[in-house]
């Protein structure tokens, strides 16, 4: 039996015992309102000419029936629950900043984000940590909404040097202020998925979750939910967008981005 099956078994226990869900689709109620999508200031990709975006997975697509949000949060209630996106860099490069789009019911407190970059990730293994930290974070409402949550863009400085090839990274909004009740009262954050059809930048760098048994696409690492670098679709049966007609090869990725 694969380790992934064990991860799924452990994941189920806290979901039942503590009433927590790992996806926004599963846990949220409320209307899925549709907003116009405009890549304009203050989007991270418009911040500074000196640090342009070299990659962006794309905006959420309200028309995608598999649109979702995956646990990506660091709060007093649910600490260090990471959803990594997978990209394939064509070159070695310096990364100055990274960002994630997250469906949040809490406000970052303090105004920081936890971040991490890795290489060599495989089923049950985090591979090599290239860089990580907890840094000042600029959080901006995107104007989009899904499953009753508002979406926010979280961008932070992540000075790392990456090699060409497969890489995994995440940016997580923090809510760890013990004096702030929203950090422990059930408020949640979910990384936004995307099918890559709206406003993607170098979308061919995305390594997508195609739910075909291969270890590709978004990866989940969470001690709270008993998941250790597990593939979202293969291991948990949560398709995050698997229309094979979508470019370049179908499948989903995360609405995350990279600034040089």
C-alpha atoms as a PDB file:
ATOM      1  CA  UNK A   1       0.000   0.000   0.000  1.00  0.00           C
ATOM      2  CA  UNK A   2       1.358   3.430  -0.882  1.00  0.00           C
ATOM      3  CA  UNK A   3       2.218   5.904   1.837  1.00  0.00           C
ATOM      4  CA  UNK A   4      -0.344   8.151   0.171  1.00  0.00           C
ATOM      5  CA  UNK A   5      -3.142   5.872   1.363  1.00  0.00           C
ATOM      6  CA  UNK A   6      -1.890   6.180   4.922  1.00  0.00           C
ATOM      7  CA  UNK A   7      -1.862   9.949   4.538  1.00  0.00           C
ATOM      8  CA  UNK A   8      -5.476   9.835   3.396  1.00  0.00           C
ATOM      9  CA  UNK A   9      -6.454   7.689   6.385  1.00  0.00           C
ATOM     10  CA  UNK A  10      -4.894  10.112   8.856  1.00  0.00           C
ATOM     11  CA  UNK A  11      -6.429  13.059   7.009  1.00  0.00           C
ATOM     12  CA  UNK A  12      -9.919  11.685   7.552  1.00  0.00           C
ATOM     13  CA  UNK A  13      -9.661  11.508  11.345  1.00  0.00           C
ATOM     14  CA  UNK A  14      -9.213  15.211  12.131  1.00  0.00           C
ATOM     15  CA  UNK A  15     -11.807  16.133   9.521  1.00  0.00           C
ATOM     16  CA  UNK A  16     -14.431  14.150  11.384  1.00  0.00           C
ATOM     17  CA  UNK A  17     -13.256  14.845  14.919  1.00  0.00           C
ATOM     18  CA  UNK A  18     -12.617  18.562  14.534  1.00  0.00           C
ATOM     19  CA  UNK A  19     -15.102  19.464  11.839  1.00  0.00           C
ATOM     20  CA  UNK A  20     -12.439  20.939   9.556  1.00  0.00           C
ATOM     21  CA  UNK A  21     -12.338  20.645   5.798  1.00  0.00           C
ATOM     22  CA  UNK A  22      -9.341  20.875   3.494  1.00  0.00           C
ATOM     23  CA  UNK A  23     -11.075  22.589   0.593  1.00  0.00           C
ATOM     24  CA  UNK A  24     -13.103  25.757   0.321  1.00  0.00           C
ATOM     25  CA  UNK A  25     -15.633  23.965  -1.882  1.00  0.00           C
ATOM     26  CA  UNK A  26     -16.289  21.405   0.831  1.00  0.00           C
ATOM     27  CA  UNK A  27     -16.501  23.746   3.795  1.00  0.00           C
ATOM     28  CA  UNK A  28     -17.942  27.034   2.635  1.00  0.00           C
ATOM     29  CA  UNK A  29     -21.470  28.222   2.096  1.00  0.00           C
ATOM     30  CA  UNK A  30     -22.701  31.227   0.222  1.00  0.00           C
ATOM     31  CA  UNK A  31     -22.997  32.440  -3.359  1.00  0.00           C
ATOM     32  CA  UNK A  32     -20.226  32.064  -5.912  1.00  0.00           C
ATOM     33  CA  UNK A  33     -20.279  35.610  -7.263  1.00  0.00           C
ATOM     34  CA  UNK A  34     -18.559  36.346 -10.550  1.00  0.00           C
ATOM     35  CA  UNK A  35     -16.362  39.393 -10.949  1.00  0.00           C
ATOM     36  CA  UNK A  36     -14.650  40.855 -14.009  1.00  0.00           C
ATOM     37  CA  UNK A  37     -10.976  39.886 -14.174  1.00  0.00           C
ATOM     38  CA  UNK A  38      -8.523  42.735 -14.760  1.00  0.00           C
ATOM     39  CA  UNK A  39      -4.757  42.369 -14.405  1.00  0.00           C
ATOM     40  CA  UNK A  40      -4.148  45.924 -13.178  1.00  0.00           C
ATOM     41  CA  UNK A  41      -2.591  47.680 -10.168  1.00  0.00           C
ATOM     42  CA  UNK A  42      -2.234  46.721  -7.382  1.00  0.00           C
ATOM     43  CA  UNK A  43      -1.740  43.203  -8.791  1.00  0.00           C
ATOM     44  CA  UNK A  44       1.730  41.919  -7.806  1.00  0.00           C
ATOM     45  CA  UNK A  45       2.677  41.667 -11.465  1.00  0.00           C
ATOM     46  CA  UNK A  46       2.319  45.451 -11.745  1.00  0.00           C
ATOM     47  CA  UNK A  47       4.193  46.456  -8.572  1.00  0.00           C
ATOM     48  CA  UNK A  48       7.690  47.276  -9.813  1.00  0.00           C
ATOM     49  CA  UNK A  49       9.292  47.376 -13.241  1.00  0.00           C
ATOM     50  CA  UNK A  50      12.539  46.202 -11.650  1.00  0.00           C
ATOM     51  CA  UNK A  51      10.827  43.032 -10.436  1.00  0.00           C
ATOM     52  CA  UNK A  52       8.369  41.923 -13.125  1.00  0.00           C
ATOM     53  CA  UNK A  53       6.451  38.684 -12.892  1.00  0.00           C
ATOM     54  CA  UNK A  54       8.165  35.853 -14.697  1.00  0.00           C
ATOM     55  CA  UNK A  55       5.395  33.393 -13.850  1.00  0.00           C
ATOM     56  CA  UNK A  56       1.741  33.503 -12.841  1.00  0.00           C
ATOM     57  CA  UNK A  57      -0.512  30.455 -12.891  1.00  0.00           C
ATOM     58  CA  UNK A  58      -3.562  32.564 -13.733  1.00  0.00           C
ATOM     59  CA  UNK A  59      -6.736  33.850 -12.111  1.00  0.00           C
ATOM     60  CA  UNK A  60      -9.482  31.644 -10.784  1.00  0.00           C
ATOM     61  CA  UNK A  61     -12.012  30.778 -13.451  1.00  0.00           C
ATOM     62  CA  UNK A  62     -15.627  31.100 -12.218  1.00  0.00           C
ATOM     63  CA  UNK A  63     -16.720  29.035 -15.231  1.00  0.00           C
ATOM     64  CA  UNK A  64     -14.599  26.019 -14.271  1.00  0.00           C
ATOM     65  CA  UNK A  65     -16.808  23.444 -12.491  1.00  0.00           C
ATOM     66  CA  UNK A  66     -13.719  22.161 -10.685  1.00  0.00           C
ATOM     67  CA  UNK A  67     -12.649  25.577  -9.344  1.00  0.00           C
ATOM     68  CA  UNK A  68     -11.601  25.113  -5.731  1.00  0.00           C
ATOM     69  CA  UNK A  69      -9.565  26.387  -2.809  1.00  0.00           C
ATOM     70  CA  UNK A  70      -7.037  24.129  -1.059  1.00  0.00           C
ATOM     71  CA  UNK A  71      -5.942  24.484   2.572  1.00  0.00           C
ATOM     72  CA  UNK A  72      -3.090  27.029   2.646  1.00  0.00           C
ATOM     73  CA  UNK A  73      -3.066  28.557   6.080  1.00  0.00           C
ATOM     74  CA  UNK A  74      -1.073  29.278   9.219  1.00  0.00           C
ATOM     75  CA  UNK A  75      -3.246  30.235  12.164  1.00  0.00           C
ATOM     76  CA  UNK A  76      -3.647  29.410  15.850  1.00  0.00           C
ATOM     77  CA  UNK A  77      -6.384  26.972  14.820  1.00  0.00           C
ATOM     78  CA  UNK A  78      -4.577  25.313  11.887  1.00  0.00           C
ATOM     79  CA  UNK A  79      -0.809  25.883  11.863  1.00  0.00           C
ATOM     80  CA  UNK A  80       1.525  25.327   8.924  1.00  0.00           C
ATOM     81  CA  UNK A  81      -0.861  23.763   6.417  1.00  0.00           C
ATOM     82  CA  UNK A  82       0.977  24.125   3.096  1.00  0.00           C
ATOM     83  CA  UNK A  83      -0.317  23.736  -0.446  1.00  0.00           C
ATOM     84  CA  UNK A  84       2.636  23.915  -2.851  1.00  0.00           C
ATOM     85  CA  UNK A  85       2.307  24.546  -6.554  1.00  0.00           C
ATOM     86  CA  UNK A  86       4.630  22.766  -8.998  1.00  0.00           C
ATOM     87  CA  UNK A  87       6.455  24.598 -11.783  1.00  0.00           C
ATOM     88  CA  UNK A  88       9.216  23.694 -14.212  1.00  0.00           C
ATOM     89  CA  UNK A  89      11.785  26.447 -14.565  1.00  0.00           C
ATOM     90  CA  UNK A  90      13.588  26.474 -17.947  1.00  0.00           C
ATOM     91  CA  UNK A  91      16.643  28.213 -16.424  1.00  0.00           C
ATOM     92  CA  UNK A  92      18.411  28.814 -13.131  1.00  0.00           C
ATOM     93  CA  UNK A  93      17.341  32.158 -11.718  1.00  0.00           C
ATOM     94  CA  UNK A  94      17.087  34.469  -8.734  1.00  0.00           C
ATOM     95  CA  UNK A  95      13.594  34.817  -7.298  1.00  0.00           C
ATOM     96  CA  UNK A  96      13.009  38.116  -5.507  1.00  0.00           C
ATOM     97  CA  UNK A  97       9.347  37.697  -4.618  1.00  0.00           C
ATOM     98  CA  UNK A  98       6.511  35.183  -4.634  1.00  0.00           C
ATOM     99  CA  UNK A  99       2.777  35.443  -4.114  1.00  0.00           C
ATOM    100  CA  UNK A 100      -0.354  33.382  -3.698  1.00  0.00           C
ATOM    101  CA  UNK A 101      -4.036  34.137  -4.184  1.00  0.00           C
ATOM    102  CA  UNK A 102      -6.040  32.850  -1.242  1.00  0.00           C
ATOM    103  CA  UNK A 103      -9.718  32.624  -0.309  1.00  0.00           C
ATOM    104  CA  UNK A 104      -9.590  33.965   3.254  1.00  0.00           C
ATOM    105  CA  UNK A 105     -11.964  34.533   6.121  1.00  0.00           C
ATOM    106  CA  UNK A 106      -9.202  35.945   8.338  1.00  0.00           C
ATOM    107  CA  UNK A 107      -7.066  39.057   7.978  1.00  0.00           C
ATOM    108  CA  UNK A 108      -3.299  38.546   8.179  1.00  0.00           C
ATOM    109  CA  UNK A 109      -2.274  39.236  11.780  1.00  0.00           C
ATOM    110  CA  UNK A 110       0.574  40.005  11.982  1.00  0.00           C
ATOM    111  CA  UNK A 111       0.948  41.304   8.410  1.00  0.00           C
ATOM    112  CA  UNK A 112       3.337  38.515   7.451  1.00  0.00           C
ATOM    113  CA  UNK A 113       3.395  35.406   5.276  1.00  0.00           C
ATOM    114  CA  UNK A 114       5.164  32.095   5.669  1.00  0.00           C
ATOM    115  CA  UNK A 115       6.867  30.954   2.456  1.00  0.00           C
ATOM    116  CA  UNK A 116       8.962  28.063   1.180  1.00  0.00           C
ATOM    117  CA  UNK A 117      10.690  26.904  -2.016  1.00  0.00           C
ATOM    118  CA  UNK A 118      11.712  23.258  -2.589  1.00  0.00           C
ATOM    119  CA  UNK A 119      13.145  20.937  -5.196  1.00  0.00           C
ATOM    120  CA  UNK A 120      13.162  17.149  -5.451  1.00  0.00           C
ATOM    121  CA  UNK A 121       9.751  16.729  -3.810  1.00  0.00           C
ATOM    122  CA  UNK A 122       8.246  13.251  -4.131  1.00  0.00           C
ATOM    123  CA  UNK A 123       5.423  11.291  -2.560  1.00  0.00           C
ATOM    124  CA  UNK A 124       5.883  11.566   1.199  1.00  0.00           C
ATOM    125  CA  UNK A 125       9.134  13.554   0.944  1.00  0.00           C
ATOM    126  CA  UNK A 126       9.804  17.281   0.944  1.00  0.00           C
ATOM    127  CA  UNK A 127      13.010  16.876  -1.043  1.00  0.00           C
ATOM    128  CA  UNK A 128      15.454  19.760  -0.534  1.00  0.00           C
ATOM    129  CA  UNK A 129      14.422  23.040   1.054  1.00  0.00           C
ATOM    130  CA  UNK A 130      15.916  25.830  -1.091  1.00  0.00           C
ATOM    131  CA  UNK A 131      14.673  28.685   1.068  1.00  0.00           C
ATOM    132  CA  UNK A 132      11.963  29.572   3.560  1.00  0.00           C
ATOM    133  CA  UNK A 133      10.961  32.303   5.936  1.00  0.00           C
ATOM    134  CA  UNK A 134       8.292  34.403   7.537  1.00  0.00           C
ATOM    135  CA  UNK A 135       8.339  37.858   5.976  1.00  0.00           C
ATOM    136  CA  UNK A 136       6.381  41.082   5.802  1.00  0.00           C
ATOM    137  CA  UNK A 137       3.488  40.517   3.432  1.00  0.00           C
ATOM    138  CA  UNK A 138       1.429  42.893   1.310  1.00  0.00           C
ATOM    139  CA  UNK A 139      -2.159  41.657   1.183  1.00  0.00           C
ATOM    140  CA  UNK A 140      -4.574  43.068  -1.393  1.00  0.00           C
ATOM    141  CA  UNK A 141      -8.183  42.184  -2.166  1.00  0.00           C
ATOM    142  CA  UNK A 142      -8.489  40.913  -5.749  1.00  0.00           C
ATOM    143  CA  UNK A 143     -12.207  41.692  -5.998  1.00  0.00           C
ATOM    144  CA  UNK A 144     -12.964  38.031  -6.703  1.00  0.00           C
ATOM    145  CA  UNK A 145     -15.081  35.750  -4.560  1.00  0.00           C
ATOM    146  CA  UNK A 146     -15.867  32.043  -4.389  1.00  0.00           C
ATOM    147  CA  UNK A 147     -17.672  29.722  -1.967  1.00  0.00           C
ATOM    148  CA  UNK A 148     -18.550  32.620   0.308  1.00  0.00           C
ATOM    149  CA  UNK A 149     -14.915  33.722   0.739  1.00  0.00           C
ATOM    150  CA  UNK A 150     -13.226  36.848  -0.587  1.00  0.00           C
ATOM    151  CA  UNK A 151      -9.930  36.320  -2.401  1.00  0.00           C
ATOM    152  CA  UNK A 152      -6.739  38.143  -1.404  1.00  0.00           C
ATOM    153  CA  UNK A 153      -3.328  38.335  -3.047  1.00  0.00           C
ATOM    154  CA  UNK A 154      -0.411  37.786  -0.650  1.00  0.00           C
ATOM    155  CA  UNK A 155       2.992  38.880  -1.938  1.00  0.00           C
ATOM    156  CA  UNK A 156       6.254  38.703   0.014  1.00  0.00           C
ATOM    157  CA  UNK A 157      10.014  38.908  -0.512  1.00  0.00           C
ATOM    158  CA  UNK A 158      11.507  35.468  -1.151  1.00  0.00           C
ATOM    159  CA  UNK A 159      15.147  35.864  -2.116  1.00  0.00           C
ATOM    160  CA  UNK A 160      16.222  32.448  -3.344  1.00  0.00           C
ATOM    161  CA  UNK A 161      18.318  31.077  -6.191  1.00  0.00           C
ATOM    162  CA  UNK A 162      16.663  28.234  -8.074  1.00  0.00           C
ATOM    163  CA  UNK A 163      17.975  25.730 -10.568  1.00  0.00           C
ATOM    164  CA  UNK A 164      16.344  24.694 -13.820  1.00  0.00           C
ATOM    165  CA  UNK A 165      13.838  21.880 -13.518  1.00  0.00           C
ATOM    166  CA  UNK A 166      10.905  21.006 -11.294  1.00  0.00           C
ATOM    167  CA  UNK A 167      10.298  23.265  -8.297  1.00  0.00           C
ATOM    168  CA  UNK A 168       7.602  23.633  -5.643  1.00  0.00           C
ATOM    169  CA  UNK A 169       6.703  26.803  -3.746  1.00  0.00           C
ATOM    170  CA  UNK A 170       4.033  28.332  -1.541  1.00  0.00           C
ATOM    171  CA  UNK A 171       3.156  31.582   0.240  1.00  0.00           C
ATOM    172  CA  UNK A 172       0.821  31.329   3.242  1.00  0.00           C
ATOM    173  CA  UNK A 173      -0.995  34.178   5.033  1.00  0.00           C
ATOM    174  CA  UNK A 174      -0.294  34.187   8.786  1.00  0.00           C
ATOM    175  CA  UNK A 175      -2.807  34.677  11.597  1.00  0.00           C
ATOM    176  CA  UNK A 176      -0.834  33.842  14.742  1.00  0.00           C
ATOM    177  CA  UNK A 177      -1.662  36.750  17.056  1.00  0.00           C
ATOM    178  CA  UNK A 178      -3.025  35.173  20.240  1.00  0.00           C
ATOM    179  CA  UNK A 179      -4.769  38.463  21.066  1.00  0.00           C
ATOM    180  CA  UNK A 180      -6.793  38.247  17.853  1.00  0.00           C
ATOM    181  CA  UNK A 181      -9.734  35.887  18.261  1.00  0.00           C
ATOM    182  CA  UNK A 182     -10.160  35.489  14.496  1.00  0.00           C
ATOM    183  CA  UNK A 183      -6.861  33.568  14.432  1.00  0.00           C
ATOM    184  CA  UNK A 184      -8.364  30.745  16.463  1.00  0.00           C
ATOM    185  CA  UNK A 185     -12.135  30.938  15.985  1.00  0.00           C
ATOM    186  CA  UNK A 186     -12.444  28.793  12.868  1.00  0.00           C
ATOM    187  CA  UNK A 187     -11.355  31.362  10.302  1.00  0.00           C
ATOM    188  CA  UNK A 188      -9.689  29.751   7.304  1.00  0.00           C
ATOM    189  CA  UNK A 189      -7.504  30.350   4.245  1.00  0.00           C
ATOM    190  CA  UNK A 190      -7.496  28.324   1.029  1.00  0.00           C
ATOM    191  CA  UNK A 191      -5.048  28.687  -1.874  1.00  0.00           C
ATOM    192  CA  UNK A 192      -7.009  29.411  -5.052  1.00  0.00           C
ATOM    193  CA  UNK A 193      -6.793  26.905  -7.889  1.00  0.00           C
ATOM    194  CA  UNK A 194      -6.774  27.920 -11.548  1.00  0.00           C
ATOM    195  CA  UNK A 195      -7.207  26.203 -14.887  1.00  0.00           C
ATOM    196  CA  UNK A 196      -4.673  28.658 -16.335  1.00  0.00           C
ATOM    197  CA  UNK A 197      -7.006  30.126 -18.948  1.00  0.00           C
ATOM    198  CA  UNK A 198      -7.241  33.681 -17.516  1.00  0.00           C
ATOM    199  CA  UNK A 199      -4.270  36.074 -17.353  1.00  0.00           C
ATOM    200  CA  UNK A 200      -1.588  33.391 -16.937  1.00  0.00           C
ATOM    201  CA  UNK A 201       2.028  34.514 -17.458  1.00  0.00           C
ATOM    202  CA  UNK A 202       4.342  31.808 -18.842  1.00  0.00           C
ATOM    203  CA  UNK A 203       1.643  29.307 -18.037  1.00  0.00           C
ATOM    204  CA  UNK A 204       3.589  26.568 -19.792  1.00  0.00           C
ATOM    205  CA  UNK A 205       5.858  26.536 -16.720  1.00  0.00           C
ATOM    206  CA  UNK A 206       2.965  25.048 -14.733  1.00  0.00           C
ATOM    207  CA  UNK A 207       3.184  21.332 -14.012  1.00  0.00           C
ATOM    208  CA  UNK A 208      -0.464  20.440 -13.754  1.00  0.00           C
ATOM    209  CA  UNK A 209      -2.471  17.994 -11.713  1.00  0.00           C
ATOM    210  CA  UNK A 210      -3.931  15.639 -14.291  1.00  0.00           C
ATOM    211  CA  UNK A 211      -5.167  12.973 -11.839  1.00  0.00           C
ATOM    212  CA  UNK A 212      -3.495  10.201 -13.814  1.00  0.00           C
ATOM    213  CA  UNK A 213      -1.497   8.580 -11.022  1.00  0.00           C
ATOM    214  CA  UNK A 214       1.611  10.625 -11.731  1.00  0.00           C
ATOM    215  CA  UNK A 215       3.117  12.834  -9.013  1.00  0.00           C
ATOM    216  CA  UNK A 216       2.339  16.199 -10.597  1.00  0.00           C
ATOM    217  CA  UNK A 217       0.565  19.380  -9.679  1.00  0.00           C
ATOM    218  CA  UNK A 218      -0.377  20.808  -6.266  1.00  0.00           C
ATOM    219  CA  UNK A 219       1.093  19.063  -3.207  1.00  0.00           C
ATOM    220  CA  UNK A 220      -0.240  19.134   0.365  1.00  0.00           C
ATOM    221  CA  UNK A 221       1.898  19.104   3.526  1.00  0.00           C
ATOM    222  CA  UNK A 222       0.082  19.523   6.818  1.00  0.00           C
ATOM    223  CA  UNK A 223       0.769  18.010  10.217  1.00  0.00           C
ATOM    224  CA  UNK A 224      -2.682  19.118  11.357  1.00  0.00           C
ATOM    225  CA  UNK A 225      -4.369  17.076   8.621  1.00  0.00           C
ATOM    226  CA  UNK A 226      -1.819  14.234   8.674  1.00  0.00           C
ATOM    227  CA  UNK A 227      -0.606  14.853   5.119  1.00  0.00           C
ATOM    228  CA  UNK A 228       3.061  14.595   4.143  1.00  0.00           C
ATOM    229  CA  UNK A 229       3.806  15.952   0.668  1.00  0.00           C
ATOM    230  CA  UNK A 230       0.845  14.218  -0.877  1.00  0.00           C
ATOM    231  CA  UNK A 231      -0.676  14.848  -4.305  1.00  0.00           C
ATOM    232  CA  UNK A 232      -4.071  16.506  -3.963  1.00  0.00           C
ATOM    233  CA  UNK A 233      -5.861  14.566  -6.689  1.00  0.00           C
ATOM    234  CA  UNK A 234      -4.243  11.139  -6.583  1.00  0.00           C
ATOM    235  CA  UNK A 235      -4.144  10.868  -2.797  1.00  0.00           C
ATOM    236  CA  UNK A 236      -7.253  12.721  -1.652  1.00  0.00           C
ATOM    237  CA  UNK A 237      -9.543  12.347  -4.661  1.00  0.00           C
ATOM    238  CA  UNK A 238      -9.976  16.109  -4.932  1.00  0.00           C
ATOM    239  CA  UNK A 239      -9.856  17.132  -8.582  1.00  0.00           C
ATOM    240  CA  UNK A 240      -8.860  20.765  -8.897  1.00  0.00           C
ATOM    241  CA  UNK A 241      -9.722  21.137 -12.560  1.00  0.00           C
ATOM    242  CA  UNK A 242      -9.058  18.243 -14.947  1.00  0.00           C
ATOM    243  CA  UNK A 243     -10.546  19.234 -18.276  1.00  0.00           C
ATOM    244  CA  UNK A 244      -8.127  17.649 -20.811  1.00  0.00           C
ATOM    245  CA  UNK A 245      -9.103  20.195 -23.438  1.00  0.00           C
ATOM    246  CA  UNK A 246      -7.503  23.042 -21.499  1.00  0.00           C
ATOM    247  CA  UNK A 247      -3.993  24.232 -22.457  1.00  0.00           C
ATOM    248  CA  UNK A 248      -1.309  23.107 -22.353  1.00  0.00           C
ATOM    249  CA  UNK A 249      -2.120  19.578 -21.149  1.00  0.00           C
ATOM    250  CA  UNK A 250      -5.287  19.938 -19.126  1.00  0.00           C
ATOM    251  CA  UNK A 251      -5.234  19.776 -15.352  1.00  0.00           C
ATOM    252  CA  UNK A 252      -5.019  22.368 -12.634  1.00  0.00           C
ATOM    253  CA  UNK A 253      -2.403  24.470 -10.953  1.00  0.00           C
ATOM    254  CA  UNK A 254      -2.452  27.078  -8.194  1.00  0.00           C
ATOM    255  CA  UNK A 255      -3.076  30.789  -8.656  1.00  0.00           C
ATOM    256  CA  UNK A 256       0.452  31.619  -7.461  1.00  0.00           C
ATOM    257  CA  UNK A 257       3.167  33.772  -9.018  1.00  0.00           C
ATOM    258  CA  UNK A 258       6.880  34.587  -9.091  1.00  0.00           C
ATOM    259  CA  UNK A 259       8.735  37.916  -9.432  1.00  0.00           C
ATOM    260  CA  UNK A 260      12.341  38.065 -10.591  1.00  0.00           C
END
